Amino acid sequence: MRNPKLVPYETIVRATSGEPEAIDEVLRHYSKRIRLASLENGHVNKDTEDNIKRRLIVALFQFRFDGQPT
């Protein structure tokens, strides 16, 4: 049984290889947390939200699984 709090492994593998649908799925999965982290004075700061999303995408491309060359 799959844990709904986690992004499925297969999705992460596809996202790290650059598949746009998988990247969107990861962003959707974390969208509520991203919005919460982007709050300033009770309002979502769009620049902060975009920055967090950009950094998450960069992190996906830098992610390495065990045994992968660096």
Protein backbone atom coordinates (compact mmCIF):
# COMPACT_ATOMS: atom_id res chain seq x y z
CA MET A 1 0.00 0.00 0.00
CA ARG A 2 1.38 3.38 -1.04
CA ASN A 3 1.98 6.21 1.44
CA PRO A 4 0.08 9.27 0.13
CA LYS A 5 2.52 11.63 1.88
CA LEU A 6 5.37 10.46 -0.36
CA VAL A 7 6.00 11.04 -4.04
CA PRO A 8 6.13 7.62 -5.74
CA TYR A 9 9.66 6.39 -6.49
CA GLU A 10 8.86 5.97 -10.18
CA THR A 11 7.75 9.59 -10.39
CA ILE A 12 11.00 10.78 -8.82
CA VAL A 13 13.03 8.70 -11.28
CA ARG A 14 11.09 10.15 -14.22
CA ALA A 15 11.36 13.70 -12.83
CA THR A 16 15.14 13.46 -12.36
CA SER A 17 15.45 12.43 -15.99
CA GLY A 18 13.56 15.58 -17.04
CA GLU A 19 10.11 14.25 -17.90
CA PRO A 20 7.82 17.34 -17.75
CA GLU A 21 4.73 15.45 -16.56
CA ALA A 22 6.67 13.94 -13.65
CA ILE A 23 8.12 17.33 -12.68
CA ASP A 24 4.60 18.79 -12.69
CA GLU A 25 3.42 15.90 -10.52
CA VAL A 26 6.18 16.61 -7.96
CA LEU A 27 5.31 20.33 -7.97
CA ARG A 28 1.60 19.50 -7.50
CA HIS A 29 2.46 17.13 -4.64
CA TYR A 30 4.31 19.89 -2.78
CA SER A 31 2.11 22.81 -3.88
CA LYS A 32 0.40 23.30 -0.49
CA ARG A 33 3.71 23.27 1.35
CA ILE A 34 5.24 25.66 -1.17
CA ARG A 35 2.33 28.09 -0.79
CA LEU A 36 2.56 27.89 3.00
CA ALA A 37 6.30 28.61 2.86
CA SER A 38 5.61 31.56 0.54
CA LEU A 39 3.31 33.39 2.94
CA GLU A 40 4.31 36.88 3.98
CA ASN A 41 1.95 38.90 6.16
CA GLY A 42 -0.88 36.50 5.36
CA HIS A 43 -0.47 36.74 1.58
CA VAL A 44 1.36 34.49 -0.86
CA ASN A 45 4.46 36.19 -2.22
CA LYS A 46 4.52 35.07 -5.87
CA ASP A 47 8.27 35.74 -6.22
CA THR A 48 9.02 33.54 -3.22
CA GLU A 49 6.68 30.83 -4.51
CA ASP A 50 8.35 30.86 -7.94
CA ASN A 51 11.81 30.80 -6.33
CA ILE A 52 10.94 27.74 -4.23
CA LYS A 53 9.55 25.93 -7.30
CA ARG A 54 12.66 26.79 -9.32
CA ARG A 55 14.94 25.54 -6.56
CA LEU A 56 12.95 22.29 -6.27
CA ILE A 57 13.31 21.68 -10.01
CA VAL A 58 17.06 22.38 -9.83
CA ALA A 59 17.32 19.94 -6.91
CA LEU A 60 15.52 17.26 -8.93
CA PHE A 61 18.11 17.50 -11.69
CA GLN A 62 20.97 17.32 -9.16
CA PHE A 63 19.50 14.31 -7.33
CA ARG A 64 21.56 11.12 -7.61
CA PHE A 65 20.46 7.64 -6.64
CA ASP A 66 22.91 5.30 -4.85
CA GLY A 67 25.41 3.88 -7.26
CA GLN A 68 25.08 6.64 -9.85
CA PRO A 69 28.25 8.45 -10.90
CA THR A 70 28.50 12.08 -9.84
